[in-house]
Protein backbone atom coordinates (compact mmCIF):
# COMPACT_ATOMS: atom_id res chain seq x y z
CA UNK A 1 -31.90 9.97 39.01
CA UNK A 2 -32.61 6.43 38.84
CA UNK A 3 -35.15 6.40 41.47
CA UNK A 4 -36.84 9.23 39.67
CA UNK A 5 -36.74 7.62 36.55
CA UNK A 6 -38.69 4.65 38.21
CA UNK A 7 -41.25 6.92 39.25
CA UNK A 8 -41.75 8.32 36.36
CA UNK A 9 -42.08 5.01 34.65
CA UNK A 10 -44.47 3.85 37.18
CA UNK A 11 -46.77 7.38 37.03
CA UNK A 12 -46.76 7.50 33.30
CA UNK A 13 -49.17 4.35 32.41
CA UNK A 14 -51.44 5.34 35.54
CA UNK A 15 -53.55 7.65 32.53
CA UNK A 16 -53.31 5.05 30.16
CA UNK A 17 -57.37 4.53 29.07
CA UNK A 18 -56.68 0.64 27.71
CA UNK A 19 -58.77 -2.05 29.59
CA UNK A 20 -57.03 -3.87 32.43
CA UNK A 21 -55.63 -7.37 31.34
CA UNK A 22 -56.01 -10.58 33.50
CA UNK A 23 -52.62 -11.26 32.94
CA UNK A 24 -51.62 -8.07 34.10
CA UNK A 25 -53.77 -8.61 37.30
CA UNK A 26 -51.85 -12.20 37.71
CA UNK A 27 -48.73 -10.46 37.79
CA UNK A 28 -49.74 -7.82 40.11
CA UNK A 29 -51.00 -10.60 42.60
CA UNK A 30 -48.19 -12.25 42.17
CA UNK A 31 -45.75 -9.35 42.95
CA UNK A 32 -48.28 -8.32 46.25
CA UNK A 33 -47.58 -11.58 47.54
CA UNK A 34 -43.94 -11.25 47.40
CA UNK A 35 -44.82 -9.27 50.45
CA UNK A 36 -45.71 -12.31 52.68
CA UNK A 37 -42.32 -13.03 54.15
CA UNK A 38 -42.11 -8.96 55.37
CA UNK A 39 -45.17 -9.96 57.44
CA UNK A 40 -43.97 -13.27 58.35
CA UNK A 41 -40.98 -11.33 59.47
CA UNK A 42 -42.89 -8.87 61.42
CA UNK A 43 -44.48 -11.83 63.42
CA UNK A 44 -41.43 -13.07 63.95
CA UNK A 45 -39.46 -10.10 65.30
CA UNK A 46 -42.23 -10.10 68.03
CA UNK A 47 -42.06 -13.29 68.85
CA UNK A 48 -38.66 -12.84 69.72
CA UNK A 49 -37.44 -9.28 70.09
CA UNK A 50 -40.76 -8.24 71.94
CA UNK A 51 -42.46 -4.78 70.68
CA UNK A 52 -40.01 -2.27 70.10
CA UNK A 53 -39.36 0.80 68.47
CA UNK A 54 -37.32 -1.14 65.72
CA UNK A 55 -40.27 -3.19 65.44
CA UNK A 56 -42.03 -0.36 64.61
CA UNK A 57 -39.41 0.85 62.38
CA UNK A 58 -39.97 -2.62 60.38
CA UNK A 59 -43.81 -2.38 59.87
CA UNK A 60 -43.08 1.38 58.76
CA UNK A 61 -40.75 -0.03 55.65
CA UNK A 62 -43.31 -2.32 54.72
CA UNK A 63 -45.60 0.99 54.92
CA UNK A 64 -43.41 1.85 52.33
CA UNK A 65 -43.20 -1.25 50.11
CA UNK A 66 -46.78 -1.21 50.19
CA UNK A 67 -47.34 1.96 49.05
CA UNK A 68 -45.32 1.72 45.93
CA UNK A 69 -47.15 -1.44 45.21
CA UNK A 70 -50.33 0.62 45.47
CA UNK A 71 -49.30 2.60 42.50
CA UNK A 72 -47.30 -0.38 40.85
CA UNK A 73 -50.84 -2.39 40.24
CA UNK A 74 -52.35 0.63 38.44
CA UNK A 75 -48.73 0.73 36.10
CA UNK A 76 -48.51 -3.09 35.30
CA UNK A 77 -52.52 -3.12 34.77
CA UNK A 78 -52.76 0.23 32.54
CA UNK A 79 -55.69 1.48 34.72
CA UNK A 80 -57.76 3.89 32.87
CA UNK A 81 -57.69 7.44 34.19
CA UNK A 82 -61.76 7.10 34.86
CA UNK A 83 -63.79 4.28 36.14
CA UNK A 84 -67.64 4.51 37.15
CA UNK A 85 -67.79 8.23 37.03
CA UNK A 86 -65.10 8.66 39.00
CA UNK A 87 -61.12 8.81 39.01
CA UNK A 88 -58.33 6.46 40.57
CA UNK A 89 -56.43 10.03 40.29
CA UNK A 90 -58.79 10.89 43.18
CA UNK A 91 -58.63 7.82 45.17
CA UNK A 92 -55.00 7.75 45.10
CA UNK A 93 -54.82 11.26 46.30
CA UNK A 94 -57.29 11.05 49.07
CA UNK A 95 -55.38 7.51 50.73
CA UNK A 96 -52.06 9.10 50.44
CA UNK A 97 -53.45 11.72 52.40
CA UNK A 98 -54.72 9.39 55.34
CA UNK A 99 -51.05 8.41 54.71
CA UNK A 100 -49.55 11.68 55.17
CA UNK A 101 -51.72 12.31 58.14
CA UNK A 102 -50.71 8.82 59.94
CA UNK A 103 -47.13 10.08 59.60
CA UNK A 104 -47.56 13.10 61.07
CA UNK A 105 -49.47 11.41 63.91
CA UNK A 106 -46.17 9.49 64.50
CA UNK A 107 -43.94 12.41 63.97
CA UNK A 108 -46.05 14.13 67.02
CA UNK A 109 -45.34 11.01 69.04
CA UNK A 110 -41.62 10.93 68.09
CA UNK A 111 -41.29 14.58 68.90
CA UNK A 112 -42.87 13.77 72.81
CA UNK A 113 -40.79 11.03 73.45
CA UNK A 114 -37.95 13.05 72.26
CA UNK A 115 -38.80 15.54 74.75
CA UNK A 116 -39.30 13.19 77.15
CA UNK A 117 -35.76 11.81 76.95
CA UNK A 118 -34.34 15.54 77.20
CA UNK A 119 -35.83 15.55 80.43
CA UNK A 120 -34.19 12.72 81.57
CA UNK A 121 -31.07 14.03 81.23
CA UNK A 122 -31.85 16.91 83.47
CA UNK A 123 -33.12 14.89 85.84
CA UNK A 124 -30.32 12.94 85.72
CA UNK A 125 -27.71 16.00 86.21
CA UNK A 126 -29.73 17.46 88.65
CA UNK A 127 -30.50 14.42 90.93
CA UNK A 128 -26.25 13.63 90.44
CA UNK A 129 -25.68 16.71 91.71
CA UNK A 130 -27.96 16.81 94.80
CA UNK A 131 -27.98 12.79 95.61
CA UNK A 132 -25.84 13.02 98.49
CA UNK A 133 -27.94 15.44 100.00
CA UNK A 134 -31.14 13.67 99.80
CA UNK A 135 -32.93 16.93 99.27
CA UNK A 136 -36.54 17.28 98.27
CA UNK A 137 -34.84 18.34 94.65
CA UNK A 138 -34.84 14.40 93.80
CA UNK A 139 -38.17 13.83 94.75
CA UNK A 140 -39.09 16.84 92.48
CA UNK A 141 -37.80 15.52 89.45
CA UNK A 142 -38.62 12.44 89.62
CA UNK A 143 -42.41 13.78 90.15
CA UNK A 144 -41.81 15.95 86.92
CA UNK A 145 -41.14 12.74 84.77
CA UNK A 146 -43.88 11.02 86.30
CA UNK A 147 -46.12 13.69 85.13
CA UNK A 148 -44.60 13.91 81.68
CA UNK A 149 -44.51 10.32 81.35
CA UNK A 150 -48.76 11.05 81.35
CA UNK A 151 -48.41 13.03 78.05
CA UNK A 152 -47.23 9.48 76.35
CA UNK A 153 -50.16 7.45 76.92
CA UNK A 154 -53.53 7.26 77.50
CA UNK A 155 -56.41 7.48 75.42
CA UNK A 156 -57.55 10.74 76.43
CA UNK A 157 -54.80 12.31 74.73
CA UNK A 158 -55.16 10.34 71.86
CA UNK A 159 -58.47 9.47 71.53
CA UNK A 160 -59.68 12.54 68.92
CA UNK A 161 -57.23 11.11 66.46
CA UNK A 162 -58.82 10.51 62.93
CA UNK A 163 -58.10 6.82 62.32
CA UNK A 164 -59.67 6.67 58.66
CA UNK A 165 -62.47 4.02 57.68
CA UNK A 166 -61.28 1.17 56.71
CA UNK A 167 -64.41 -0.67 54.84
CA UNK A 168 -64.22 -1.65 51.36
CA UNK A 169 -64.53 0.57 48.52
CA UNK A 170 -67.83 0.81 47.17
CA UNK A 171 -68.59 -0.26 43.42
CA UNK A 172 -70.88 -1.36 40.78
CA UNK A 173 -68.17 -3.15 38.84
CA UNK A 174 -65.94 -6.40 39.17
CA UNK A 175 -63.37 -4.43 38.42
CA UNK A 176 -60.21 -6.90 39.45
CA UNK A 177 -57.63 -3.70 39.38
CA UNK A 178 -59.70 -1.65 41.58
CA UNK A 179 -59.79 -4.84 43.84
CA UNK A 180 -56.24 -5.43 43.61
CA UNK A 181 -55.77 -1.76 44.84
CA UNK A 182 -57.98 -1.99 47.58
CA UNK A 183 -56.17 -5.27 49.16
CA UNK A 184 -53.12 -3.35 49.09
CA UNK A 185 -54.83 -0.36 50.73
CA UNK A 186 -56.30 -2.38 53.28
CA UNK A 187 -53.58 -4.49 54.40
CA UNK A 188 -51.82 -0.97 54.64
CA UNK A 189 -54.71 0.22 56.79
CA UNK A 190 -53.86 -2.81 59.42
CA UNK A 191 -50.45 -2.51 59.45
CA UNK A 192 -51.45 1.43 60.34
CA UNK A 193 -53.47 0.15 63.33
CA UNK A 194 -50.95 -1.92 64.37
CA UNK A 195 -48.51 1.03 64.64
CA UNK A 196 -51.12 2.90 66.49
CA UNK A 197 -52.01 0.43 68.78
CA UNK A 198 -48.14 -0.22 69.56
CA UNK A 199 -47.58 3.60 70.28
CA UNK A 200 -50.92 4.70 71.69
CA UNK A 201 -53.26 2.96 72.95
CA UNK A 202 -55.27 -0.50 71.88
CA UNK A 203 -57.88 -0.46 69.08
CA UNK A 204 -60.00 -3.16 67.38
CA UNK A 205 -58.28 -4.71 64.38
CA UNK A 206 -59.95 -7.10 62.04
CA UNK A 207 -58.75 -8.88 58.79
CA UNK A 208 -61.35 -8.34 56.06
CA UNK A 209 -61.14 -11.77 54.68
CA UNK A 210 -63.87 -11.09 51.99
CA UNK A 211 -61.18 -8.36 50.59
CA UNK A 212 -58.59 -11.35 50.13
CA UNK A 213 -60.44 -14.47 48.79
CA UNK A 214 -60.95 -11.88 45.97
CA UNK A 215 -57.46 -13.28 44.62
CA UNK A 216 -56.89 -17.29 45.38
CA UNK A 217 -53.11 -16.12 45.10
CA UNK A 218 -53.52 -14.42 48.79
CA UNK A 219 -54.77 -16.88 50.69
CA UNK A 220 -51.96 -17.68 52.48
CA UNK A 221 -51.06 -13.87 52.43
CA UNK A 222 -54.76 -13.20 55.10
CA UNK A 223 -53.92 -16.06 56.94
CA UNK A 224 -50.24 -14.81 57.98
CA UNK A 225 -51.77 -11.74 58.45
CA UNK A 226 -54.44 -12.58 60.75
CA UNK A 227 -51.36 -13.97 62.64
CA UNK A 228 -49.42 -11.31 62.86
CA UNK A 229 -52.43 -9.47 64.36
CA UNK A 230 -53.22 -12.43 67.39
CA UNK A 231 -49.38 -12.34 68.34
CA UNK A 232 -49.43 -8.45 68.70
CA UNK A 233 -52.18 -8.47 70.70
CA UNK A 234 -50.70 -11.79 72.94
CA UNK A 235 -48.03 -9.26 73.20
CA UNK A 236 -50.18 -6.55 74.47
CA UNK A 237 -51.85 -9.10 77.04
CA UNK A 238 -50.51 -8.46 80.21
CA UNK A 239 -50.56 -4.72 80.22
CA UNK A 240 -54.23 -3.74 81.39
CA UNK A 241 -53.61 0.10 82.33
CA UNK A 242 -53.68 1.79 78.50
CA UNK A 243 -51.44 4.59 80.28
CA UNK A 244 -48.67 2.14 80.62
CA UNK A 245 -46.08 2.01 77.84
CA UNK A 246 -46.14 -1.73 75.76
CA UNK A 247 -42.71 -0.75 73.81
CA UNK A 248 -39.49 -2.57 75.33
CA UNK A 249 -37.57 0.84 74.84
CA UNK A 250 -40.16 2.48 77.30
CA UNK A 251 -40.76 0.04 79.97
CA UNK A 252 -37.08 0.09 80.32
CA UNK A 253 -37.44 3.93 80.92
CA UNK A 254 -40.43 3.58 83.17
CA UNK A 255 -38.99 0.69 85.17
CA UNK A 256 -35.60 2.71 85.90
CA UNK A 257 -37.65 5.63 87.10
CA UNK A 258 -39.58 3.56 89.43
CA UNK A 259 -36.47 2.15 90.88
CA UNK A 260 -35.00 5.27 91.14
CA UNK A 261 -38.17 7.00 92.86
CA UNK A 262 -37.70 3.91 95.69
CA UNK A 263 -33.86 4.63 96.02
CA UNK A 264 -34.71 8.32 97.02
CA UNK A 265 -37.85 7.82 99.36
CA UNK A 266 -36.33 4.61 100.97
CA UNK A 267 -38.21 4.76 103.71
CA UNK A 268 -36.28 7.29 105.57
CA UNK A 269 -33.08 5.24 105.40
CA UNK A 270 -29.80 7.37 104.19
CA UNK A 271 -29.29 7.31 100.75
CA UNK A 272 -26.30 4.27 99.39
CA UNK A 273 -24.14 6.21 97.31
CA UNK A 274 -23.22 3.85 94.95
CA UNK A 275 -26.62 2.42 94.61
CA UNK A 276 -28.28 5.38 93.68
CA UNK A 277 -25.29 6.00 91.05
CA UNK A 278 -26.26 2.46 89.64
CA UNK A 279 -29.62 3.50 89.71
CA UNK A 280 -29.05 6.76 87.70
CA UNK A 281 -26.60 5.39 85.23
CA UNK A 282 -29.63 2.63 84.76
CA UNK A 283 -31.99 5.37 83.72
CA UNK A 284 -29.40 6.93 81.81
CA UNK A 285 -28.91 3.94 79.19
CA UNK A 286 -32.60 2.95 79.32
CA UNK A 287 -33.01 6.64 77.86
CA UNK A 288 -30.13 6.58 75.30
CA UNK A 289 -31.73 3.31 74.21
CA UNK A 290 -35.01 4.57 73.73
CA UNK A 291 -33.08 7.65 71.82
CA UNK A 292 -31.29 5.06 69.37
CA UNK A 293 -34.66 3.34 69.04
CA UNK A 294 -36.66 6.86 67.99
CA UNK A 295 -33.80 7.95 65.78
CA UNK A 296 -34.43 4.25 63.73
CA UNK A 297 -37.98 4.65 63.62
CA UNK A 298 -37.88 8.37 63.07
CA UNK A 299 -35.92 7.98 60.02
CA UNK A 300 -38.34 4.85 58.72
CA UNK A 301 -41.73 7.59 58.97
CA UNK A 302 -39.76 10.16 57.01
CA UNK A 303 -38.65 7.97 54.22
CA UNK A 304 -42.46 6.95 54.04
CA UNK A 305 -43.52 10.60 54.12
CA UNK A 306 -41.31 11.37 51.52
CA UNK A 307 -42.38 9.04 49.25
CA UNK A 308 -45.94 9.86 49.59
CA UNK A 309 -44.76 13.38 49.07
CA UNK A 310 -43.34 12.55 45.53
CA UNK A 311 -46.01 10.34 44.41
CA UNK A 312 -48.46 12.65 45.31
CA UNK A 313 -46.30 15.73 43.27
CA UNK A 314 -45.39 13.41 40.24
CA UNK A 315 -48.90 12.54 39.70
CA UNK A 316 -50.18 16.07 39.85
CA UNK A 317 -47.63 17.19 37.52
CA UNK A 318 -49.02 14.76 35.17
CA UNK A 319 -52.15 15.64 35.62
CA UNK A 320 -51.41 19.42 34.68
CA UNK A 321 -49.73 18.35 31.67
CA UNK A 322 -52.40 15.76 30.44
């Protein structure tokens, strides 16, 4: 109930028709700059723990904060409903739809990886049953996992995903509220692109310094954001093949599958039962770690999706009642 009241308060002044106050925009920028520590934490997490699904969850949680800030700027500044013949409401509805689309892309990735974990479970059971005989069943299971793996990564699978335009909103006005909202929007785009690069394949990411120069308070923020992007691509630097995984959890699974393949082939040498058992256990444990990471990431994506849906529904309700 408390959360609902907060959202109502946030959206109610969205429709006020008073002129924006420079004091309010100052407060909005100070509030936005509080996200600076979150950006630094993402960079620190990359440095200490490498790129992982947990890191992706942290990045998704930051998107939730920025989505709320996107609306909070309008609330604090008492932005008029209309601007230059257009509607702020329309801008929010268009951009929030992009966020929902992005959430659905992340959900698809989760579903594909979760299905792969189920196939690993089946393969582990079948290989455990057939392991002592050295039959072709073992190799068949490995080849099946390798075929499914190709569905997780690679530009061919995701090249048609619509990465929405991230350029500056066209405007003839010096409206600081509009610019402040664009700062949040542009930063969210960058975080979305980082997530896309982590889970699918690398795309170019540029920090538009001009956007942040509109507000001197955000000088450190743009610098930290640029460091985060650089740190991210340093983590990806060793990955030459875009069909290979970059997330820590998926790397573990791929490594375990390759090790199992080596054990099964083994140059015609009879299988070492104990060594094979350890390799199978390693694959199973890596699959469990991937499942755990997927659970955390899926929860973060669902929370972001629900927040945006609540915002959209509330705005539509306010428009209908106005």
